[in-house]
Amino acid sequence: MEKQADQKCNTKRKVREGVVVSNKMQKTVKVRVDRTFKHPNFNKVITRGKIYYAHVEEEEVEIGKLVKIIETRPLSKLKRWRVLQVL
């Protein structure tokens, strides 16, 4: 029982890298994270993207900057990530 509780506390948080698409909101940025994979039938490389809402505390992050985001508790209806660092 104790080992299961320890494993739950030591879960790793997901970390993603992406590009800032929008910084119009207060303390929130929209980050586009792209992933590439090979198509199962045609064997071509495909790029797909997903947009995450990330919390940024004080520093103003400009559009086009590469950032690293980390998973966190729900901060609002859409925000579940926060900016870890600007690369």
Protein backbone atom coordinates (compact mmCIF):
# COMPACT_ATOMS: atom_id res chain seq x y z
CA MET A 1 0.00 0.00 0.00
CA GLU A 2 2.79 2.44 0.88
CA LYS A 3 4.64 1.77 -2.37
CA GLN A 4 1.55 2.62 -4.41
CA ALA A 5 1.13 5.91 -2.55
CA ASP A 6 4.80 6.78 -3.17
CA GLN A 7 4.48 6.01 -6.87
CA LYS A 8 1.45 8.28 -7.15
CA CYS A 9 3.32 11.21 -5.62
CA ASN A 10 6.37 10.74 -7.86
CA THR A 11 4.52 10.91 -11.17
CA LYS A 12 6.34 12.78 -13.91
CA ARG A 13 4.71 15.85 -15.39
CA LYS A 14 4.55 16.13 -19.17
CA VAL A 15 6.87 18.68 -20.75
CA ARG A 16 6.41 20.00 -24.29
CA GLU A 17 8.23 22.50 -26.51
CA GLY A 18 6.36 24.84 -28.79
CA VAL A 19 6.09 28.24 -30.39
CA VAL A 20 4.06 31.10 -28.93
CA VAL A 21 1.17 31.89 -31.29
CA SER A 22 -0.70 34.52 -29.28
CA ASN A 23 -0.01 36.67 -26.22
CA LYS A 24 -3.10 38.90 -26.27
CA MET A 25 -4.49 37.65 -22.94
CA GLN A 26 -3.33 38.66 -19.48
CA LYS A 27 -0.94 36.08 -17.95
CA THR A 28 -1.81 33.56 -20.69
CA VAL A 29 -0.15 32.57 -23.95
CA LYS A 30 -1.23 30.17 -26.67
CA VAL A 31 1.52 27.70 -27.56
CA ARG A 32 1.49 25.54 -30.69
CA VAL A 33 3.20 22.18 -30.22
CA ASP A 34 3.95 20.28 -33.43
CA ARG A 35 4.54 16.56 -33.74
CA THR A 36 5.76 14.67 -36.77
CA PHE A 37 4.98 11.08 -37.67
CA LYS A 38 5.07 8.79 -40.65
CA HIS A 39 1.78 8.07 -42.39
CA PRO A 40 0.91 4.36 -42.01
CA ASN A 41 -0.10 3.83 -45.65
CA PHE A 42 1.86 6.37 -47.67
CA ASN A 43 5.08 6.51 -45.58
CA LYS A 44 5.23 10.28 -45.87
CA VAL A 45 6.20 12.45 -42.92
CA ILE A 46 3.23 14.43 -41.63
CA THR A 47 3.26 17.38 -39.21
CA ARG A 48 0.30 17.89 -36.92
CA GLY A 49 -0.06 20.64 -34.32
CA LYS A 50 -2.04 21.24 -31.17
CA ILE A 51 -2.55 24.53 -29.33
CA TYR A 52 -2.21 24.68 -25.55
CA TYR A 53 -3.13 27.56 -23.23
CA ALA A 54 -0.24 28.18 -20.86
CA HIS A 55 0.08 30.40 -17.80
CA VAL A 56 2.93 32.89 -17.73
CA GLU A 57 3.40 34.87 -14.52
CA GLU A 58 5.17 38.19 -15.08
CA GLU A 59 7.52 38.19 -18.05
CA GLU A 60 6.07 39.19 -21.39
CA VAL A 61 6.63 36.41 -23.93
CA GLU A 62 6.67 37.58 -27.55
CA ILE A 63 4.96 35.87 -30.47
CA GLY A 64 7.29 33.46 -32.28
CA LYS A 65 9.42 32.63 -29.22
CA LEU A 66 10.20 28.98 -28.50
CA VAL A 67 9.05 28.00 -25.00
CA LYS A 68 9.01 24.91 -22.82
CA ILE A 69 5.68 24.23 -21.05
CA ILE A 70 4.90 21.83 -18.21
CA GLU A 71 1.66 20.18 -17.17
CA THR A 72 0.03 21.55 -14.02
CA ARG A 73 -3.25 21.54 -12.12
CA PRO A 74 -6.24 23.16 -13.85
CA LEU A 75 -5.87 26.94 -13.57
CA SER A 76 -9.01 27.85 -15.51
CA LYS A 77 -11.46 26.34 -17.97
CA LEU A 78 -8.79 25.85 -20.64
CA LYS A 79 -5.42 26.36 -18.89
CA ARG A 80 -3.66 23.18 -17.75
CA TRP A 81 -0.06 24.15 -18.62
CA ARG A 82 2.41 26.79 -17.51
CA VAL A 83 5.51 28.22 -19.14
CA LEU A 84 8.63 26.64 -17.68
CA GLN A 85 11.23 28.64 -19.61
CA VAL A 86 11.75 30.68 -22.73
CA LEU A 87 14.30 29.07 -25.03
